[in-house]
Amino acid sequence: QVQLEESGGGLVQAGGSLRLSCALSGRTFSTYAVGWFRQAPGKGREFVAGIKSGGNTLYADSVKGRFTINRDNAKNTVALQMNSLKPEDTAVYYCAAGRNGGSYSFDYWGQGTQVTVSS
């Protein structure tokens, strides 16, 4: 069983930066794909960024060039560096992990962390 815990959310002004972190339990972390999703009030959950076990990454068009995902297998963590934040980035951000490290399908979810960007 994989457990995920997000941290790093908060309130920031537009144009600022935040770094989210996702800590994963489990001995096979390096074989998992990990992704970040977000859900704004009144909207559905949307994919933000993902990283496969081999290091390949994928980003939503809305965050490309502003957000960076990376993983530290030694520390069982995945980070999402968010720069040039916009008010429309305001959402609850969720970390997810998938047993199939070669695909962006996810089996486990964290509880989420709130990111609020003020204008």
Protein backbone atom coordinates (compact mmCIF):
# COMPACT_ATOMS: atom_id res chain seq x y z
CA GLN A 1 0.00 0.00 0.00
CA VAL A 2 1.29 3.44 -0.95
CA GLN A 3 0.52 6.47 1.18
CA LEU A 4 1.00 9.99 -0.13
CA GLU A 5 1.33 13.23 1.78
CA GLU A 6 1.48 16.65 0.15
CA SER A 7 3.04 19.74 1.68
CA GLY A 8 4.10 23.23 0.64
CA GLY A 9 0.80 24.83 -0.22
CA GLY A 10 -0.10 28.33 0.90
CA LEU A 11 -0.98 31.85 -0.10
CA VAL A 12 1.17 33.74 -2.60
CA GLN A 13 0.82 36.85 -4.73
CA ALA A 14 0.53 36.62 -8.47
CA GLY A 15 3.94 36.26 -10.03
CA GLY A 16 5.31 34.47 -7.01
CA SER A 17 6.51 30.90 -6.52
CA LEU A 18 5.67 27.90 -4.42
CA ARG A 19 7.19 24.47 -4.18
CA LEU A 20 4.94 21.53 -3.43
CA SER A 21 6.31 18.27 -2.16
CA CYS A 22 4.80 14.81 -2.16
CA ALA A 23 6.20 12.20 0.18
CA LEU A 24 5.49 8.57 -0.65
CA SER A 25 5.74 5.56 1.58
CA GLY A 26 6.63 2.20 0.14
CA ARG A 27 9.80 0.45 -0.90
CA THR A 28 9.08 0.48 -4.63
CA PHE A 29 8.73 4.22 -5.05
CA SER A 30 11.24 4.34 -7.90
CA THR A 31 9.01 2.12 -10.03
CA TYR A 32 5.93 4.33 -9.70
CA ALA A 33 4.73 7.09 -11.95
CA VAL A 34 3.75 10.19 -10.00
CA GLY A 35 1.52 13.04 -10.97
CA TRP A 36 0.07 16.28 -9.72
CA PHE A 37 -3.54 17.23 -10.24
CA ARG A 38 -5.57 20.21 -9.12
CA GLN A 39 -9.17 21.06 -8.49
CA ALA A 40 -10.46 24.61 -8.38
CA PRO A 41 -13.77 25.50 -6.71
CA GLY A 42 -16.68 24.42 -8.87
CA LYS A 43 -14.46 22.66 -11.39
CA GLY A 44 -13.35 19.12 -12.05
CA ARG A 45 -9.98 17.69 -11.20
CA GLU A 46 -7.40 18.34 -13.89
CA PHE A 47 -3.98 16.95 -14.66
CA VAL A 48 -1.10 19.35 -14.02
CA ALA A 49 2.14 17.42 -14.42
CA GLY A 50 3.46 13.89 -14.29
CA ILE A 51 6.74 12.02 -14.17
CA LYS A 52 7.28 8.40 -15.11
CA SER A 53 9.63 6.03 -13.36
CA GLY A 54 12.20 6.59 -16.09
CA GLY A 55 12.07 10.37 -15.64
CA ASN A 56 9.94 11.35 -18.63
CA THR A 57 7.69 14.27 -17.84
CA LEU A 58 4.41 15.65 -19.11
CA TYR A 59 2.77 19.00 -18.43
CA ALA A 60 -0.62 20.53 -19.01
CA ASP A 61 -0.44 23.32 -21.55
CA SER A 62 -1.63 25.79 -18.93
CA VAL A 63 1.48 25.29 -16.78
CA LYS A 64 4.11 24.47 -19.37
CA GLY A 65 7.16 26.69 -18.93
CA ARG A 66 6.09 27.75 -15.44
CA PHE A 67 5.92 24.49 -13.46
CA THR A 68 8.59 21.82 -13.11
CA ILE A 69 8.17 18.33 -11.71
CA ASN A 70 11.06 16.25 -10.49
CA ARG A 71 11.62 13.23 -8.32
CA ASP A 72 14.18 12.18 -5.76
CA ASN A 73 14.05 8.40 -5.53
CA ALA A 74 16.51 8.34 -2.65
CA LYS A 75 14.14 10.46 -0.57
CA ASN A 76 10.88 9.01 -1.94
CA THR A 77 9.67 12.47 -2.85
CA VAL A 78 8.33 14.28 -5.87
CA ALA A 79 8.35 18.05 -6.04
CA LEU A 80 6.37 20.50 -8.11
CA GLN A 81 8.11 23.85 -8.50
CA MET A 82 5.56 26.48 -9.46
CA ASN A 83 6.79 29.81 -10.77
CA SER A 84 5.04 32.85 -12.24
CA LEU A 85 1.86 31.87 -10.45
CA LYS A 86 -1.45 33.25 -11.63
CA PRO A 87 -4.78 33.63 -9.81
CA GLU A 88 -6.17 30.90 -12.05
CA ASP A 89 -3.67 28.48 -10.50
CA THR A 90 -5.66 28.68 -7.26
CA ALA A 91 -6.83 25.17 -6.41
CA VAL A 92 -6.36 22.20 -4.17
CA TYR A 93 -3.36 20.30 -5.49
CA TYR A 94 -3.25 16.53 -5.23
CA CYS A 95 -0.37 14.12 -5.60
CA ALA A 96 -1.04 10.74 -7.19
CA ALA A 97 1.02 7.61 -7.75
CA GLY A 98 0.61 4.73 -10.16
CA ARG A 99 1.98 1.20 -10.02
CA ASN A 100 2.68 1.21 -13.75
CA GLY A 101 5.68 3.45 -13.87
CA GLY A 102 5.54 3.67 -17.63
CA SER A 103 2.12 5.22 -17.89
CA TYR A 104 0.18 8.15 -16.50
CA SER A 105 -2.48 6.14 -14.75
CA PHE A 106 -2.80 6.54 -11.01
CA ASP A 107 -3.88 4.22 -8.24
CA TYR A 108 -3.18 6.18 -5.08
CA TRP A 109 -4.04 9.73 -4.06
CA GLY A 110 -3.04 12.16 -1.37
CA GLN A 111 -5.38 14.37 0.63
CA GLY A 112 -4.42 17.56 -1.16
CA THR A 113 -2.87 20.90 -0.28
CA GLN A 114 -4.40 24.31 -0.89
CA VAL A 115 -2.68 26.81 -3.16
CA THR A 116 -4.13 30.32 -3.28
CA VAL A 117 -2.77 32.98 -5.63
CA SER A 118 -3.93 36.51 -4.97
CA SER A 119 -4.11 39.14 -7.69
